[in-house]
Amino acid sequence: MTSRTRDTVALFAIASLAILAVLYADADLGQIFEGILAHW
């Protein structure tokens, strides 16, 4: 994996978490994060 690919994946992950945080602002973010990690 090149550094450019790794940076792209990292940016995508950060953007996805930011979108989830906005969409589920009233939900428990810790529970959402655990759910995301469970898929990996």
N, C-alpha and C. Protein backbone atom coordinates (compact mmCIF):
# COMPACT_ATOMS: atom_id res chain seq x y z
N MET A 1 0.85 -1.19 0.00
CA MET A 1 0.00 0.00 0.00
C MET A 1 0.89 1.24 0.00
N THR A 2 0.68 2.10 -0.95
CA THR A 2 1.48 3.32 -1.03
C THR A 2 1.00 4.32 0.01
N SER A 3 1.84 5.31 0.28
CA SER A 3 1.44 6.32 1.26
C SER A 3 0.24 7.11 0.76
N ARG A 4 0.14 7.32 -0.55
CA ARG A 4 -1.01 8.04 -1.09
C ARG A 4 -2.30 7.25 -0.86
N THR A 5 -2.24 5.95 -1.08
CA THR A 5 -3.42 5.12 -0.85
C THR A 5 -3.79 5.12 0.63
N ARG A 6 -2.77 5.02 1.48
CA ARG A 6 -3.02 5.02 2.93
C ARG A 6 -3.64 6.35 3.36
N ASP A 7 -3.16 7.46 2.83
CA ASP A 7 -3.72 8.77 3.16
C ASP A 7 -5.16 8.87 2.69
N THR A 8 -5.44 8.35 1.50
CA THR A 8 -6.81 8.39 0.97
C THR A 8 -7.75 7.58 1.85
N VAL A 9 -7.30 6.40 2.26
CA VAL A 9 -8.14 5.56 3.13
C VAL A 9 -8.37 6.26 4.47
N ALA A 10 -7.33 6.87 5.02
CA ALA A 10 -7.47 7.57 6.30
C ALA A 10 -8.45 8.74 6.18
N LEU A 11 -8.34 9.51 5.10
CA LEU A 11 -9.26 10.63 4.90
C LEU A 11 -10.69 10.14 4.75
N PHE A 12 -10.87 9.05 4.03
CA PHE A 12 -12.22 8.49 3.86
C PHE A 12 -12.79 8.05 5.21
N ALA A 13 -11.96 7.41 6.02
CA ALA A 13 -12.42 6.95 7.33
C ALA A 13 -12.81 8.13 8.22
N ILE A 14 -11.98 9.18 8.21
CA ILE A 14 -12.27 10.36 9.02
C ILE A 14 -13.56 11.03 8.54
N ALA A 15 -13.71 11.15 7.22
CA ALA A 15 -14.92 11.78 6.68
C ALA A 15 -16.15 10.94 7.03
N SER A 16 -16.04 9.63 6.96
CA SER A 16 -17.17 8.76 7.28
C SER A 16 -17.58 8.92 8.74
N LEU A 17 -16.59 8.97 9.62
CA LEU A 17 -16.90 9.15 11.04
C LEU A 17 -17.54 10.51 11.29
N ALA A 18 -17.06 11.55 10.59
CA ALA A 18 -17.63 12.88 10.76
C ALA A 18 -19.09 12.90 10.30
N ILE A 19 -19.37 12.25 9.18
CA ILE A 19 -20.75 12.19 8.68
C ILE A 19 -21.63 11.43 9.66
N LEU A 20 -21.13 10.31 10.18
CA LEU A 20 -21.91 9.55 11.17
C LEU A 20 -22.16 10.39 12.42
N ALA A 21 -21.16 11.15 12.84
CA ALA A 21 -21.32 11.97 14.04
C ALA A 21 -22.41 13.02 13.83
N VAL A 22 -22.49 13.57 12.62
CA VAL A 22 -23.52 14.57 12.33
C VAL A 22 -24.89 13.92 12.23
N LEU A 23 -24.96 12.79 11.53
CA LEU A 23 -26.26 12.14 11.33
C LEU A 23 -26.82 11.56 12.62
N TYR A 24 -25.94 11.07 13.49
CA TYR A 24 -26.39 10.41 14.71
C TYR A 24 -25.91 11.18 15.94
N ALA A 25 -26.06 12.52 15.90
CA ALA A 25 -25.56 13.36 16.98
C ALA A 25 -26.22 13.01 18.31
N ASP A 26 -27.49 12.57 18.27
CA ASP A 26 -28.16 12.24 19.52
C ASP A 26 -27.98 10.78 19.92
N ALA A 27 -27.27 10.01 19.11
CA ALA A 27 -27.01 8.61 19.45
C ALA A 27 -25.70 8.52 20.24
N ASP A 28 -25.46 7.35 20.81
CA ASP A 28 -24.24 7.12 21.56
C ASP A 28 -23.10 6.85 20.58
N LEU A 29 -22.17 7.80 20.43
CA LEU A 29 -21.10 7.67 19.45
C LEU A 29 -20.19 6.49 19.75
N GLY A 30 -20.01 6.17 21.02
CA GLY A 30 -19.19 5.02 21.38
C GLY A 30 -19.78 3.73 20.85
N GLN A 31 -21.09 3.62 20.94
CA GLN A 31 -21.76 2.41 20.44
C GLN A 31 -21.65 2.33 18.92
N ILE A 32 -21.78 3.48 18.24
CA ILE A 32 -21.65 3.50 16.78
C ILE A 32 -20.23 3.09 16.38
N PHE A 33 -19.24 3.63 17.09
CA PHE A 33 -17.84 3.31 16.78
C PHE A 33 -17.57 1.82 16.96
N GLU A 34 -18.10 1.23 18.03
CA GLU A 34 -17.93 -0.20 18.25
C GLU A 34 -18.59 -1.00 17.13
N GLY A 35 -19.72 -0.52 16.65
CA GLY A 35 -20.40 -1.19 15.54
C GLY A 35 -19.58 -1.16 14.26
N ILE A 36 -18.92 -0.01 14.02
CA ILE A 36 -18.07 0.10 12.84
C ILE A 36 -16.89 -0.88 12.95
N LEU A 37 -16.27 -0.90 14.12
CA LEU A 37 -15.12 -1.79 14.31
C LEU A 37 -15.51 -3.26 14.22
N ALA A 38 -16.74 -3.56 14.58
CA ALA A 38 -17.20 -4.95 14.54
C ALA A 38 -17.24 -5.47 13.10
N HIS A 39 -17.45 -4.57 12.14
CA HIS A 39 -17.47 -4.99 10.73
C HIS A 39 -16.08 -5.32 10.22
N TRP A 40 -15.05 -4.83 10.89
CA TRP A 40 -13.67 -5.09 10.48
C TRP A 40 -13.15 -6.24 11.31
